[in-house]
Amino acid sequence: RDLLIAICGNAGNALEEIWARQLGVWLYLPGVVHDSNVASLFEEGRQLAARRRSAAEQKTHFPPGKGESV
Protein backbone atom coordinates (compact mmCIF):
# COMPACT_ATOMS: atom_id res chain seq x y z
CA ARG A 1 0.00 0.00 0.00
CA ASP A 2 2.83 2.40 0.76
CA LEU A 3 5.01 1.22 -2.12
CA LEU A 4 5.56 2.47 -5.63
CA ILE A 5 6.92 -0.10 -8.03
CA ALA A 6 9.06 0.82 -11.03
CA ILE A 7 10.13 -1.81 -13.54
CA CYS A 8 12.69 -1.45 -16.31
CA GLY A 9 11.78 -3.82 -19.10
CA ASN A 10 12.72 -4.93 -22.57
CA ALA A 11 11.55 -2.58 -25.30
CA GLY A 12 8.93 -4.15 -27.55
CA ASN A 13 7.99 -6.98 -25.18
CA ALA A 14 4.23 -6.55 -24.80
CA LEU A 15 3.83 -9.57 -22.52
CA GLU A 16 6.40 -8.17 -20.12
CA GLU A 17 4.57 -4.85 -19.98
CA ILE A 18 1.23 -6.59 -19.41
CA TRP A 19 2.83 -8.56 -16.56
CA ALA A 20 4.21 -5.35 -15.05
CA ARG A 21 0.84 -3.59 -15.31
CA GLN A 22 -0.88 -6.56 -13.64
CA LEU A 23 1.53 -6.13 -10.74
CA GLY A 24 0.30 -2.55 -10.40
CA VAL A 25 3.53 -0.80 -11.30
CA TRP A 26 3.68 2.96 -10.82
CA LEU A 27 6.21 3.31 -13.62
CA TYR A 28 7.08 0.95 -16.46
CA LEU A 29 10.24 1.90 -18.36
CA PRO A 30 10.67 -0.14 -21.55
CA GLY A 31 14.20 -0.16 -22.94
CA VAL A 32 15.85 1.53 -19.97
CA VAL A 33 19.28 0.08 -19.26
CA HIS A 34 21.09 -0.19 -15.96
CA ASP A 35 23.31 2.84 -16.54
CA SER A 36 20.44 5.24 -17.31
CA ASN A 37 19.92 8.15 -14.93
CA VAL A 38 16.47 7.52 -13.47
CA ALA A 39 17.19 9.07 -10.07
CA SER A 40 14.86 11.99 -10.82
CA LEU A 41 12.01 9.59 -11.56
CA PHE A 42 12.50 7.85 -8.24
CA GLU A 43 12.64 11.19 -6.45
CA GLU A 44 9.31 12.07 -8.07
CA GLY A 45 7.92 8.76 -6.83
CA ARG A 46 9.16 9.47 -3.31
CA GLN A 47 7.47 12.87 -3.37
CA LEU A 48 4.23 11.36 -4.67
CA ALA A 49 4.26 8.77 -1.88
CA ALA A 50 4.79 11.52 0.70
CA ARG A 51 1.87 13.54 -0.71
CA ARG A 52 -0.40 10.48 -0.65
CA ARG A 53 0.61 9.70 2.91
CA SER A 54 -0.04 13.31 3.96
CA ALA A 55 -3.46 13.34 2.26
CA ALA A 56 -4.40 10.05 3.96
CA GLU A 57 -3.35 11.43 7.34
CA GLN A 58 -5.39 14.60 6.80
CA LYS A 59 -8.42 12.54 5.85
CA THR A 60 -8.26 10.63 9.13
CA HIS A 61 -7.93 13.86 11.14
CA PHE A 62 -10.78 15.67 9.40
CA PRO A 63 -13.90 13.52 9.03
CA PRO A 64 -16.17 14.30 6.06
CA GLY A 65 -18.67 17.10 6.50
CA LYS A 66 -22.40 16.78 6.19
CA GLY A 67 -23.36 15.38 2.80
CA GLU A 68 -19.79 14.28 1.92
CA SER A 69 -18.99 10.66 1.27
CA VAL A 70 -16.02 8.75 2.60
PDB file of N, CA and C in Angstrom:
ATOM      1  N   ARG A   1       0.812  -1.195   0.000  1.00  0.00           N
ATOM      2  CA  ARG A   1       0.000   0.000   0.000  1.00  0.00           C
ATOM      3  C   ARG A   1       0.857   1.261   0.000  1.00  0.00           C
ATOM      4  N   ASP A   2       1.962   1.235   0.704  1.00  0.00           N
ATOM      5  CA  ASP A   2       2.832   2.404   0.755  1.00  0.00           C
ATOM      6  C   ASP A   2       4.030   2.270  -0.178  1.00  0.00           C
ATOM      7  N   LEU A   3       3.906   1.436  -1.198  1.00  0.00           N
ATOM      8  CA  LEU A   3       5.011   1.218  -2.119  1.00  0.00           C
ATOM      9  C   LEU A   3       4.665   1.696  -3.512  1.00  0.00           C
ATOM     10  N   LEU A   4       5.674   2.188  -4.202  1.00  0.00           N
ATOM     11  CA  LEU A   4       5.563   2.474  -5.627  1.00  0.00           C
ATOM     12  C   LEU A   4       6.545   1.547  -6.321  1.00  0.00           C
ATOM     13  N   ILE A   5       6.082   0.855  -7.333  1.00  0.00           N
ATOM     14  CA  ILE A   5       6.925  -0.102  -8.031  1.00  0.00           C
ATOM     15  C   ILE A   5       7.287   0.474  -9.395  1.00  0.00           C
ATOM     16  N   ALA A   6       8.568   0.433  -9.712  1.00  0.00           N
ATOM     17  CA  ALA A   6       9.056   0.825 -11.033  1.00  0.00           C
ATOM     18  C   ALA A   6       9.778  -0.383 -11.620  1.00  0.00           C
ATOM     19  N   ILE A   7       9.504  -0.664 -12.878  1.00  0.00           N
ATOM     20  CA  ILE A   7      10.126  -1.809 -13.544  1.00  0.00           C
ATOM     21  C   ILE A   7      10.754  -1.328 -14.847  1.00  0.00           C
ATOM     22  N   CYS A   8      12.004  -1.685 -15.042  1.00  0.00           N
ATOM     23  CA  CYS A   8      12.689  -1.448 -16.308  1.00  0.00           C
ATOM     24  C   CYS A   8      12.565  -2.733 -17.113  1.00  0.00           C
ATOM     25  N   GLY A   9      12.019  -2.623 -18.309  1.00  0.00           N
ATOM     26  CA  GLY A   9      11.781  -3.823 -19.097  1.00  0.00           C
ATOM     27  C   GLY A   9      12.435  -3.775 -20.455  1.00  0.00           C
ATOM     28  N   ASN A  10      12.197  -4.829 -21.205  1.00  0.00           N
ATOM     29  CA  ASN A  10      12.719  -4.933 -22.572  1.00  0.00           C
ATOM     30  C   ASN A  10      11.793  -4.199 -23.532  1.00  0.00           C
ATOM     31  N   ALA A  11      12.349  -3.329 -24.328  1.00  0.00           N
ATOM     32  CA  ALA A  11      11.549  -2.585 -25.302  1.00  0.00           C
ATOM     33  C   ALA A  11      10.901  -3.555 -26.284  1.00  0.00           C
ATOM     34  N   GLY A  12       9.631  -3.335 -26.562  1.00  0.00           N
ATOM     35  CA  GLY A  12       8.928  -4.150 -27.546  1.00  0.00           C
ATOM     36  C   GLY A  12       8.394  -5.467 -27.016  1.00  0.00           C
ATOM     37  N   ASN A  13       8.496  -5.731 -25.745  1.00  0.00           N
ATOM     38  CA  ASN A  13       7.993  -6.985 -25.184  1.00  0.00           C
ATOM     39  C   ASN A  13       6.641  -6.710 -24.524  1.00  0.00           C
ATOM     40  N   ALA A  14       5.579  -6.870 -25.283  1.00  0.00           N
ATOM     41  CA  ALA A  14       4.234  -6.555 -24.802  1.00  0.00           C
ATOM     42  C   ALA A  14       3.824  -7.423 -23.618  1.00  0.00           C
ATOM     43  N   LEU A  15       4.192  -8.696 -23.634  1.00  0.00           N
ATOM     44  CA  LEU A  15       3.829  -9.575 -22.521  1.00  0.00           C
ATOM     45  C   LEU A  15       4.491  -9.133 -21.215  1.00  0.00           C
ATOM     46  N   GLU A  16       5.711  -8.659 -21.312  1.00  0.00           N
ATOM     47  CA  GLU A  16       6.400  -8.173 -20.124  1.00  0.00           C
ATOM     48  C   GLU A  16       5.701  -6.935 -19.563  1.00  0.00           C
ATOM     49  N   GLU A  17       5.276  -6.049 -20.445  1.00  0.00           N
ATOM     50  CA  GLU A  17       4.574  -4.855 -19.983  1.00  0.00           C
ATOM     51  C   GLU A  17       3.225  -5.213 -19.361  1.00  0.00           C
ATOM     52  N   ILE A  18       2.508  -6.149 -19.963  1.00  0.00           N
ATOM     53  CA  ILE A  18       1.227  -6.589 -19.406  1.00  0.00           C
ATOM     54  C   ILE A  18       1.454  -7.168 -18.014  1.00  0.00           C
ATOM     55  N   TRP A  19       2.486  -7.995 -17.858  1.00  0.00           N
ATOM     56  CA  TRP A  19       2.832  -8.562 -16.558  1.00  0.00           C
ATOM     57  C   TRP A  19       3.107  -7.458 -15.544  1.00  0.00           C
ATOM     58  N   ALA A  20       3.874  -6.451 -15.948  1.00  0.00           N
ATOM     59  CA  ALA A  20       4.210  -5.348 -15.050  1.00  0.00           C
ATOM     60  C   ALA A  20       2.953  -4.580 -14.649  1.00  0.00           C
ATOM     61  N   ARG A  21       2.079  -4.323 -15.600  1.00  0.00           N
ATOM     62  CA  ARG A  21       0.845  -3.593 -15.305  1.00  0.00           C
ATOM     63  C   ARG A  21      -0.061  -4.401 -14.366  1.00  0.00           C
ATOM     64  N   GLN A  22      -0.085  -5.717 -14.533  1.00  0.00           N
ATOM     65  CA  GLN A  22      -0.882  -6.558 -13.644  1.00  0.00           C
ATOM     66  C   GLN A  22      -0.349  -6.518 -12.212  1.00  0.00           C
ATOM     67  N   LEU A  23       0.944  -6.277 -12.070  1.00  0.00           N
ATOM     68  CA  LEU A  23       1.527  -6.133 -10.736  1.00  0.00           C
ATOM     69  C   LEU A  23       1.131  -4.804 -10.093  1.00  0.00           C
ATOM     70  N   GLY A  24       0.682  -3.866 -10.913  1.00  0.00           N
ATOM     71  CA  GLY A  24       0.299  -2.555 -10.404  1.00  0.00           C
ATOM     72  C   GLY A  24       1.456  -1.580 -10.351  1.00  0.00           C
ATOM     73  N   VAL A  25       2.368  -1.678 -11.312  1.00  0.00           N
ATOM     74  CA  VAL A  25       3.527  -0.796 -11.301  1.00  0.00           C
ATOM     75  C   VAL A  25       3.113   0.664 -11.391  1.00  0.00           C
ATOM     76  N   TRP A  26       3.884   1.516 -10.733  1.00  0.00           N
ATOM     77  CA  TRP A  26       3.684   2.956 -10.818  1.00  0.00           C
ATOM     78  C   TRP A  26       4.327   3.474 -12.094  1.00  0.00           C
ATOM     79  N   LEU A  27       5.441   2.849 -12.470  1.00  0.00           N
ATOM     80  CA  LEU A  27       6.207   3.313 -13.620  1.00  0.00           C
ATOM     81  C   LEU A  27       6.791   2.116 -14.349  1.00  0.00           C
ATOM     82  N   TYR A  28       6.487   1.995 -15.625  1.00  0.00           N
ATOM     83  CA  TYR A  28       7.084   0.946 -16.459  1.00  0.00           C
ATOM     84  C   TYR A  28       7.984   1.631 -17.470  1.00  0.00           C
ATOM     85  N   LEU A  29       9.248   1.247 -17.513  1.00  0.00           N
ATOM     86  CA  LEU A  29      10.244   1.899 -18.365  1.00  0.00           C
ATOM     87  C   LEU A  29      10.798   0.899 -19.379  1.00  0.00           C
ATOM     88  N   PRO A  30      10.168   0.794 -20.552  1.00  0.00           N
ATOM     89  CA  PRO A  30      10.671  -0.144 -21.549  1.00  0.00           C
ATOM     90  C   PRO A  30      11.973   0.372 -22.169  1.00  0.00           C
ATOM     91  N   GLY A  31      12.946  -0.500 -22.272  1.00  0.00           N
ATOM     92  CA  GLY A  31      14.197  -0.162 -22.939  1.00  0.00           C
ATOM     93  C   GLY A  31      15.190   0.604 -22.086  1.00  0.00           C
ATOM     94  N   VAL A  32      14.907   0.828 -20.828  1.00  0.00           N
ATOM     95  CA  VAL A  32      15.854   1.528 -19.965  1.00  0.00           C
ATOM     96  C   VAL A  32      16.929   0.539 -19.531  1.00  0.00           C
ATOM     97  N   VAL A  33      18.162   0.954 -19.643  1.00  0.00           N
ATOM     98  CA  VAL A  33      19.279   0.084 -19.260  1.00  0.00           C
ATOM     99  C   VAL A  33      19.819   0.484 -17.904  1.00  0.00           C
ATOM    100  N   HIS A  34      20.627  -0.379 -17.323  1.00  0.00           N
ATOM    101  CA  HIS A  34      21.092  -0.190 -15.957  1.00  0.00           C
ATOM    102  C   HIS A  34      21.887   1.087 -15.744  1.00  0.00           C
ATOM    103  N   ASP A  35      22.513   1.644 -16.746  1.00  0.00           N
ATOM    104  CA  ASP A  35      23.312   2.844 -16.540  1.00  0.00           C
ATOM    105  C   ASP A  35      22.549   4.136 -16.858  1.00  0.00           C
ATOM    106  N   SER A  36      21.243   4.046 -17.065  1.00  0.00           N
ATOM    107  CA  SER A  36      20.436   5.245 -17.307  1.00  0.00           C
ATOM    108  C   SER A  36      20.247   6.007 -16.007  1.00  0.00           C
ATOM    109  N   ASN A  37      20.133   7.328 -16.113  1.00  0.00           N
ATOM    110  CA  ASN A  37      19.920   8.150 -14.928  1.00  0.00           C
ATOM    111  C   ASN A  37      18.422   8.285 -14.689  1.00  0.00           C
ATOM    112  N   VAL A  38      17.893   7.467 -13.802  1.00  0.00           N
ATOM    113  CA  VAL A  38      16.474   7.523 -13.470  1.00  0.00           C
ATOM    114  C   VAL A  38      16.252   8.028 -12.049  1.00  0.00           C
ATOM    115  N   ALA A  39      17.299   8.588 -11.455  1.00  0.00           N
ATOM    116  CA  ALA A  39      17.194   9.067 -10.074  1.00  0.00           C
ATOM    117  C   ALA A  39      16.082  10.095  -9.929  1.00  0.00           C
ATOM    118  N   SER A  40      15.907  10.971 -10.913  1.00  0.00           N
ATOM    119  CA  SER A  40      14.860  11.993 -10.817  1.00  0.00           C
ATOM    120  C   SER A  40      13.471  11.363 -10.825  1.00  0.00           C
ATOM    121  N   LEU A  41      13.299  10.270 -11.548  1.00  0.00           N
ATOM    122  CA  LEU A  41      12.012   9.588 -11.561  1.00  0.00           C
ATOM    123  C   LEU A  41      11.705   8.985 -10.195  1.00  0.00           C
ATOM    124  N   PHE A  42      12.707   8.423  -9.554  1.00  0.00           N
ATOM    125  CA  PHE A  42      12.500   7.846  -8.237  1.00  0.00           C
ATOM    126  C   PHE A  42      12.264   8.929  -7.190  1.00  0.00           C
ATOM    127  N   GLU A  43      12.899  10.075  -7.364  1.00  0.00           N
ATOM    128  CA  GLU A  43      12.642  11.188  -6.450  1.00  0.00           C
ATOM    129  C   GLU A  43      11.198  11.659  -6.602  1.00  0.00           C
ATOM    130  N   GLU A  44      10.711  11.705  -7.837  1.00  0.00           N
ATOM    131  CA  GLU A  44       9.315  12.066  -8.073  1.00  0.00           C
ATOM    132  C   GLU A  44       8.385  11.058  -7.401  1.00  0.00           C
ATOM    133  N   GLY A  45       8.721   9.803  -7.488  1.00  0.00           N
ATOM    134  CA  GLY A  45       7.923   8.763  -6.830  1.00  0.00           C
ATOM    135  C   GLY A  45       7.919   8.917  -5.320  1.00  0.00           C
ATOM    136  N   ARG A  46       9.071   9.252  -4.747  1.00  0.00           N
ATOM    137  CA  ARG A  46       9.159   9.466  -3.305  1.00  0.00           C
ATOM    138  C   ARG A  46       8.282  10.638  -2.884  1.00  0.00           C
ATOM    139  N   GLN A  47       8.300  11.708  -3.672  1.00  0.00           N
ATOM    140  CA  GLN A  47       7.470  12.874  -3.365  1.00  0.00           C
ATOM    141  C   GLN A  47       5.983  12.545  -3.488  1.00  0.00           C
ATOM    142  N   LEU A  48       5.621  11.767  -4.497  1.00  0.00           N
ATOM    143  CA  LEU A  48       4.230  11.356  -4.666  1.00  0.00           C
ATOM    144  C   LEU A  48       3.765  10.520  -3.479  1.00  0.00           C
ATOM    145  N   ALA A  49       4.603   9.600  -3.032  1.00  0.00           N
ATOM    146  CA  ALA A  49       4.258   8.774  -1.882  1.00  0.00           C
ATOM    147  C   ALA A  49       4.073   9.632  -0.633  1.00  0.00           C
ATOM    148  N   ALA A  50       4.916  10.638  -0.457  1.00  0.00           N
ATOM    149  CA  ALA A  50       4.795  11.520   0.700  1.00  0.00           C
ATOM    150  C   ALA A  50       3.496  12.323   0.631  1.00  0.00           C
ATOM    151  N   ARG A  51       3.125  12.797  -0.563  1.00  0.00           N
ATOM    152  CA  ARG A  51       1.868  13.543  -0.710  1.00  0.00           C
ATOM    153  C   ARG A  51       0.667  12.647  -0.433  1.00  0.00           C
ATOM    154  N   ARG A  52       0.709  11.419  -0.909  1.00  0.00           N
ATOM    155  CA  ARG A  52      -0.397  10.484  -0.652  1.00  0.00           C
ATOM    156  C   ARG A  52      -0.524  10.189   0.833  1.00  0.00           C
ATOM    157  N   ARG A  53       0.609   9.980   1.484  1.00  0.00           N
ATOM    158  CA  ARG A  53       0.613   9.698   2.915  1.00  0.00           C
ATOM    159  C   ARG A  53       0.046  10.889   3.686  1.00  0.00           C
ATOM    160  N   SER A  54       0.444  12.095   3.306  1.00  0.00           N
ATOM    161  CA  SER A  54      -0.041  13.310   3.965  1.00  0.00           C
ATOM    162  C   SER A  54      -1.545  13.470   3.762  1.00  0.00           C
ATOM    163  N   ALA A  55      -2.024  13.228   2.542  1.00  0.00           N
ATOM    164  CA  ALA A  55      -3.459  13.336   2.258  1.00  0.00           C
ATOM    165  C   ALA A  55      -4.249  12.310   3.061  1.00  0.00           C
ATOM    166  N   ALA A  56      -3.715  11.100   3.185  1.00  0.00           N
ATOM    167  CA  ALA A  56      -4.396  10.052   3.956  1.00  0.00           C
ATOM    168  C   ALA A  56      -4.447  10.434   5.427  1.00  0.00           C
ATOM    169  N   GLU A  57      -3.379  11.004   5.944  1.00  0.00           N
ATOM    170  CA  GLU A  57      -3.355  11.430   7.342  1.00  0.00           C
ATOM    171  C   GLU A  57      -4.353  12.556   7.589  1.00  0.00           C
ATOM    172  N   GLN A  58      -4.443  13.501   6.660  1.00  0.00           N
ATOM    173  CA  GLN A  58      -5.394  14.604   6.801  1.00  0.00           C
ATOM    174  C   GLN A  58      -6.821  14.091   6.783  1.00  0.00           C
ATOM    175  N   LYS A  59      -7.071  13.095   5.967  1.00  0.00           N
ATOM    176  CA  LYS A  59      -8.418  12.538   5.851  1.00  0.00           C
ATOM    177  C   LYS A  59      -8.849  11.893   7.165  1.00  0.00           C
ATOM    178  N   THR A  60      -7.903  11.264   7.866  1.00  0.00           N
ATOM    179  CA  THR A  60      -8.258  10.633   9.133  1.00  0.00           C
ATOM    180  C   THR A  60      -8.450  11.657  10.243  1.00  0.00           C
ATOM    181  N   HIS A  61      -7.809  12.813  10.124  1.00  0.00           N
ATOM    182  CA  HIS A  61      -7.932  13.855  11.144  1.00  0.00           C
ATOM    183  C   HIS A  61      -9.165  14.727  10.942  1.00  0.00           C
ATOM    184  N   PHE A  62      -9.634  14.818   9.713  1.00  0.00           N
ATOM    185  CA  PHE A  62     -10.779  15.667   9.404  1.00  0.00           C
ATOM    186  C   PHE A  62     -11.878  14.821   8.779  1.00  0.00           C
ATOM    187  N   PRO A  63     -12.830  14.361   9.584  1.00  0.00           N
ATOM    188  CA  PRO A  63     -13.901  13.524   9.029  1.00  0.00           C
ATOM    189  C   PRO A  63     -14.727  14.319   8.020  1.00  0.00           C
ATOM    190  N   PRO A  64     -15.373  13.619   7.081  1.00  0.00           N
ATOM    191  CA  PRO A  64     -16.165  14.303   6.060  1.00  0.00           C
ATOM    192  C   PRO A  64     -17.287  15.123   6.680  1.00  0.00           C
ATOM    193  N   GLY A  65     -17.569  16.253   6.043  1.00  0.00           N
ATOM    194  CA  GLY A  65     -18.671  17.105   6.504  1.00  0.00           C
ATOM    195  C   GLY A  65     -20.000  16.534   6.108  1.00  0.00           C
ATOM    196  N   LYS A  66     -21.045  17.217   6.489  1.00  0.00           N
ATOM    197  CA  LYS A  66     -22.403  16.779   6.190  1.00  0.00           C
ATOM    198  C   LYS A  66     -22.600  16.682   4.680  1.00  0.00           C
ATOM    199  N   GLY A  67     -23.094  15.564   4.217  1.00  0.00           N
ATOM    200  CA  GLY A  67     -23.356  15.376   2.800  1.00  0.00           C
ATOM    201  C   GLY A  67     -22.157  14.870   2.012  1.00  0.00           C
ATOM    202  N   GLU A  68     -20.964  14.781   2.626  1.00  0.00           N
ATOM    203  CA  GLU A  68     -19.787  14.278   1.924  1.00  0.00           C
ATOM    204  C   GLU A  68     -19.661  12.782   2.153  1.00  0.00           C
ATOM    205  N   SER A  69     -19.183  12.098   1.145  1.00  0.00           N
ATOM    206  CA  SER A  69     -18.989  10.657   1.269  1.00  0.00           C
ATOM    207  C   SER A  69     -17.557  10.361   1.649  1.00  0.00           C
ATOM    208  N   VAL A  70     -17.348   9.175   2.183  1.00  0.00           N
ATOM    209  CA  VAL A  70     -16.017   8.747   2.604  1.00  0.00           C
ATOM    210  C   VAL A  70     -15.310   8.085   1.467  1.00  0.00           C
TER     211      VAL A  70
END
